């Protein structure tokens, strides 16, 4: 019984070892038939301790660029477009252009079917401002 168990173990080990396509040689993975080192890491790039992608040879950071997609501007655009808005390009019919860089976007929410908005709060603060009591310090010293 023990010899049958050892024979089964040996045969299983041999089948698994022969079925492998890679082997380890000098601490590197190599192809079973070719003995050529397999690429498991980039030879040109490395990530430093701060998470910056660098060229392995020079140690300089790799430059990357964002992919900009031009979309006609509309208030009907979903929030995902407004959250990623970086530039606005305006053109007139005479060939004039205006380029604007966007640093922040505010989308006011308007009341829909009985949903309250922040308008009563805004009216209350305007009322206090008219009486000379601003709810916040101003540059005028009020």
C-alpha atoms as a PDB file:
ATOM      1  CA  UNK A   1       0.000   0.000   0.000  1.00  0.00           C
ATOM      2  CA  UNK A   2       2.783   2.468   0.912  1.00  0.00           C
ATOM      3  CA  UNK A   3       4.702   1.662  -2.278  1.00  0.00           C
ATOM      4  CA  UNK A   4       1.555   2.300  -4.353  1.00  0.00           C
ATOM      5  CA  UNK A   5       1.121   5.661  -2.605  1.00  0.00           C
ATOM      6  CA  UNK A   6       4.780   6.616  -3.265  1.00  0.00           C
ATOM      7  CA  UNK A   7       4.478   5.555  -6.919  1.00  0.00           C
ATOM      8  CA  UNK A   8       1.331   7.678  -7.325  1.00  0.00           C
ATOM      9  CA  UNK A   9       3.079  10.663  -5.703  1.00  0.00           C
ATOM     10  CA  UNK A  10       6.152  10.277  -7.942  1.00  0.00           C
ATOM     11  CA  UNK A  11       4.081   9.952 -11.101  1.00  0.00           C
ATOM     12  CA  UNK A  12       1.989  13.028 -10.184  1.00  0.00           C
ATOM     13  CA  UNK A  13       5.144  15.048  -9.468  1.00  0.00           C
ATOM     14  CA  UNK A  14       6.673  14.024 -12.826  1.00  0.00           C
ATOM     15  CA  UNK A  15       3.520  14.926 -14.773  1.00  0.00           C
ATOM     16  CA  UNK A  16       3.279  18.355 -13.099  1.00  0.00           C
ATOM     17  CA  UNK A  17       6.988  19.082 -13.676  1.00  0.00           C
ATOM     18  CA  UNK A  18       6.851  18.044 -17.331  1.00  0.00           C
ATOM     19  CA  UNK A  19       3.707  20.100 -17.956  1.00  0.00           C
ATOM     20  CA  UNK A  20       5.311  23.361 -16.784  1.00  0.00           C
ATOM     21  CA  UNK A  21       6.265  25.826 -19.481  1.00  0.00           C
ATOM     22  CA  UNK A  22       8.687  27.788 -17.299  1.00  0.00           C
ATOM     23  CA  UNK A  23      11.620  26.935 -15.080  1.00  0.00           C
ATOM     24  CA  UNK A  24      13.810  28.824 -12.603  1.00  0.00           C
ATOM     25  CA  UNK A  25      17.466  29.297 -13.441  1.00  0.00           C
ATOM     26  CA  UNK A  26      19.807  31.570 -11.415  1.00  0.00           C
ATOM     27  CA  UNK A  27      16.816  33.212  -9.741  1.00  0.00           C
ATOM     28  CA  UNK A  28      15.107  34.102 -13.047  1.00  0.00           C
ATOM     29  CA  UNK A  29      12.158  32.581 -14.867  1.00  0.00           C
ATOM     30  CA  UNK A  30      13.248  30.993 -18.145  1.00  0.00           C
ATOM     31  CA  UNK A  31      11.353  29.238 -20.914  1.00  0.00           C
ATOM     32  CA  UNK A  32      11.395  25.452 -20.504  1.00  0.00           C
ATOM     33  CA  UNK A  33      12.648  24.639 -23.997  1.00  0.00           C
ATOM     34  CA  UNK A  34      14.457  27.863 -24.904  1.00  0.00           C
ATOM     35  CA  UNK A  35      16.148  28.690 -21.547  1.00  0.00           C
ATOM     36  CA  UNK A  36      15.655  32.385 -22.456  1.00  0.00           C
ATOM     37  CA  UNK A  37      14.793  34.699 -19.547  1.00  0.00           C
ATOM     38  CA  UNK A  38      11.120  35.669 -19.524  1.00  0.00           C
ATOM     39  CA  UNK A  39      10.177  39.329 -19.156  1.00  0.00           C
ATOM     40  CA  UNK A  40       8.337  39.670 -15.886  1.00  0.00           C
ATOM     41  CA  UNK A  41       9.276  43.327 -15.345  1.00  0.00           C
ATOM     42  CA  UNK A  42       9.849  46.230 -17.650  1.00  0.00           C
ATOM     43  CA  UNK A  43      13.439  46.639 -18.769  1.00  0.00           C
ATOM     44  CA  UNK A  44      12.845  50.313 -19.617  1.00  0.00           C
ATOM     45  CA  UNK A  45      10.553  51.548 -16.820  1.00  0.00           C
ATOM     46  CA  UNK A  46      10.477  51.389 -13.024  1.00  0.00           C
ATOM     47  CA  UNK A  47       8.169  52.820 -10.340  1.00  0.00           C
ATOM     48  CA  UNK A  48      10.055  54.680  -7.594  1.00  0.00           C
ATOM     49  CA  UNK A  49       9.214  54.722  -3.881  1.00  0.00           C
ATOM     50  CA  UNK A  50       6.872  57.720  -4.385  1.00  0.00           C
ATOM     51  CA  UNK A  51       4.857  55.958  -7.109  1.00  0.00           C
ATOM     52  CA  UNK A  52       6.378  57.966  -9.982  1.00  0.00           C
ATOM     53  CA  UNK A  53       6.986  56.117 -13.253  1.00  0.00           C
ATOM     54  CA  UNK A  54      10.629  56.613 -14.277  1.00  0.00           C
ATOM     55  CA  UNK A  55      12.931  55.558 -17.090  1.00  0.00           C
ATOM     56  CA  UNK A  56      15.206  52.864 -15.663  1.00  0.00           C
ATOM     57  CA  UNK A  57      18.332  54.050 -17.537  1.00  0.00           C
ATOM     58  CA  UNK A  58      18.150  57.780 -16.706  1.00  0.00           C
ATOM     59  CA  UNK A  59      16.025  57.791 -13.546  1.00  0.00           C
ATOM     60  CA  UNK A  60      13.984  60.692 -14.950  1.00  0.00           C
ATOM     61  CA  UNK A  61      10.173  60.719 -14.654  1.00  0.00           C
ATOM     62  CA  UNK A  62       8.246  59.642 -17.726  1.00  0.00           C
ATOM     63  CA  UNK A  63       6.074  62.411 -19.105  1.00  0.00           C
ATOM     64  CA  UNK A  64       2.410  61.630 -19.616  1.00  0.00           C
ATOM     65  CA  UNK A  65      -0.371  63.639 -21.226  1.00  0.00           C
ATOM     66  CA  UNK A  66      -4.096  63.738 -20.670  1.00  0.00           C
ATOM     67  CA  UNK A  67      -6.435  62.841 -23.472  1.00  0.00           C
ATOM     68  CA  UNK A  68      -8.752  65.783 -24.139  1.00  0.00           C
ATOM     69  CA  UNK A  69     -12.090  65.222 -25.825  1.00  0.00           C
ATOM     70  CA  UNK A  70     -13.974  68.177 -27.294  1.00  0.00           C
ATOM     71  CA  UNK A  71     -17.654  68.143 -26.340  1.00  0.00           C
ATOM     72  CA  UNK A  72     -20.175  70.884 -27.172  1.00  0.00           C
ATOM     73  CA  UNK A  73     -20.915  72.776 -23.937  1.00  0.00           C
ATOM     74  CA  UNK A  74     -24.465  72.315 -22.678  1.00  0.00           C
ATOM     75  CA  UNK A  75     -26.142  72.470 -19.279  1.00  0.00           C
ATOM     76  CA  UNK A  76     -27.643  69.065 -20.081  1.00  0.00           C
ATOM     77  CA  UNK A  77     -24.236  67.331 -19.851  1.00  0.00           C
ATOM     78  CA  UNK A  78     -24.001  64.763 -17.044  1.00  0.00           C
ATOM     79  CA  UNK A  79     -21.972  65.518 -13.918  1.00  0.00           C
ATOM     80  CA  UNK A  80     -19.058  63.330 -15.082  1.00  0.00           C
ATOM     81  CA  UNK A  81     -18.330  65.808 -17.895  1.00  0.00           C
ATOM     82  CA  UNK A  82     -18.549  68.834 -15.601  1.00  0.00           C
ATOM     83  CA  UNK A  83     -16.252  67.180 -13.034  1.00  0.00           C
ATOM     84  CA  UNK A  84     -13.564  66.687 -15.688  1.00  0.00           C
ATOM     85  CA  UNK A  85     -13.926  70.088 -17.394  1.00  0.00           C
ATOM     86  CA  UNK A  86     -10.460  71.655 -17.789  1.00  0.00           C
ATOM     87  CA  UNK A  87     -10.665  74.117 -20.709  1.00  0.00           C
ATOM     88  CA  UNK A  88     -13.328  76.062 -22.570  1.00  0.00           C
ATOM     89  CA  UNK A  89     -12.751  77.306 -26.112  1.00  0.00           C
ATOM     90  CA  UNK A  90     -15.126  79.955 -27.439  1.00  0.00           C
ATOM     91  CA  UNK A  91     -15.241  81.109 -31.076  1.00  0.00           C
ATOM     92  CA  UNK A  92     -17.157  83.852 -32.811  1.00  0.00           C
ATOM     93  CA  UNK A  93     -18.147  84.006 -36.451  1.00  0.00           C
ATOM     94  CA  UNK A  94     -15.339  86.436 -37.342  1.00  0.00           C
ATOM     95  CA  UNK A  95     -12.568  84.006 -36.416  1.00  0.00           C
ATOM     96  CA  UNK A  96     -11.927  85.284 -32.897  1.00  0.00           C
ATOM     97  CA  UNK A  97     -11.170  82.709 -30.210  1.00  0.00           C
ATOM     98  CA  UNK A  98     -11.112  82.790 -26.436  1.00  0.00           C
ATOM     99  CA  UNK A  99      -9.471  80.036 -24.396  1.00  0.00           C
ATOM    100  CA  UNK A 100     -10.390  79.700 -20.724  1.00  0.00           C
ATOM    101  CA  UNK A 101      -8.897  77.407 -18.094  1.00  0.00           C
ATOM    102  CA  UNK A 102     -11.439  75.996 -15.634  1.00  0.00           C
ATOM    103  CA  UNK A 103     -10.388  75.617 -11.998  1.00  0.00           C
ATOM    104  CA  UNK A 104     -13.774  74.758 -10.526  1.00  0.00           C
ATOM    105  CA  UNK A 105     -17.385  74.189 -11.490  1.00  0.00           C
ATOM    106  CA  UNK A 106     -20.590  74.874  -9.549  1.00  0.00           C
ATOM    107  CA  UNK A 107     -23.842  73.348 -10.693  1.00  0.00           C
ATOM    108  CA  UNK A 108     -26.777  74.834  -8.800  1.00  0.00           C
ATOM    109  CA  UNK A 109     -29.629  72.452  -8.205  1.00  0.00           C
ATOM    110  CA  UNK A 110     -33.085  73.863  -8.868  1.00  0.00           C
ATOM    111  CA  UNK A 111     -36.234  72.623  -7.124  1.00  0.00           C
ATOM    112  CA  UNK A 112     -37.917  69.779  -8.938  1.00  0.00           C
ATOM    113  CA  UNK A 113     -41.438  68.600  -8.091  1.00  0.00           C
ATOM    114  CA  UNK A 114     -41.557  69.713  -4.463  1.00  0.00           C
ATOM    115  CA  UNK A 115     -37.883  69.198  -3.660  1.00  0.00           C
ATOM    116  CA  UNK A 116     -36.660  72.084  -1.502  1.00  0.00           C
ATOM    117  CA  UNK A 117     -33.688  74.124  -2.605  1.00  0.00           C
ATOM    118  CA  UNK A 118     -31.283  76.423  -0.804  1.00  0.00           C
ATOM    119  CA  UNK A 119     -33.142  79.530  -2.066  1.00  0.00           C
ATOM    120  CA  UNK A 120     -34.903  80.305   1.280  1.00  0.00           C
ATOM    121  CA  UNK A 121     -31.484  80.291   3.004  1.00  0.00           C
ATOM    122  CA  UNK A 122     -30.092  82.626   0.340  1.00  0.00           C
ATOM    123  CA  UNK A 123     -33.059  84.989   0.753  1.00  0.00           C
ATOM    124  CA  UNK A 124     -32.564  85.025   4.523  1.00  0.00           C
ATOM    125  CA  UNK A 125     -28.893  85.942   4.175  1.00  0.00           C
ATOM    126  CA  UNK A 126     -29.780  88.680   1.661  1.00  0.00           C
ATOM    127  CA  UNK A 127     -32.340  90.044   4.117  1.00  0.00           C
ATOM    128  CA  UNK A 128     -29.724  90.133   6.906  1.00  0.00           C
ATOM    129  CA  UNK A 129     -27.287  91.835   4.521  1.00  0.00           C
ATOM    130  CA  UNK A 130     -29.861  94.542   3.746  1.00  0.00           C
ATOM    131  CA  UNK A 131     -30.280  95.238   7.454  1.00  0.00           C
ATOM    132  CA  UNK A 132     -26.494  95.690   7.718  1.00  0.00           C
ATOM    133  CA  UNK A 133     -25.780  92.390   9.479  1.00  0.00           C
ATOM    134  CA  UNK A 134     -23.857  90.125   7.161  1.00  0.00           C
ATOM    135  CA  UNK A 135     -23.663  86.468   8.158  1.00  0.00           C
ATOM    136  CA  UNK A 136     -19.938  86.531   7.313  1.00  0.00           C
ATOM    137  CA  UNK A 137     -17.088  89.028   7.763  1.00  0.00           C
ATOM    138  CA  UNK A 138     -16.555  91.258   4.767  1.00  0.00           C
ATOM    139  CA  UNK A 139     -13.747  93.427   3.485  1.00  0.00           C
ATOM    140  CA  UNK A 140     -15.805  96.486   4.411  1.00  0.00           C
ATOM    141  CA  UNK A 141     -15.763  95.624   8.106  1.00  0.00           C
ATOM    142  CA  UNK A 142     -19.523  94.871   8.460  1.00  0.00           C
END
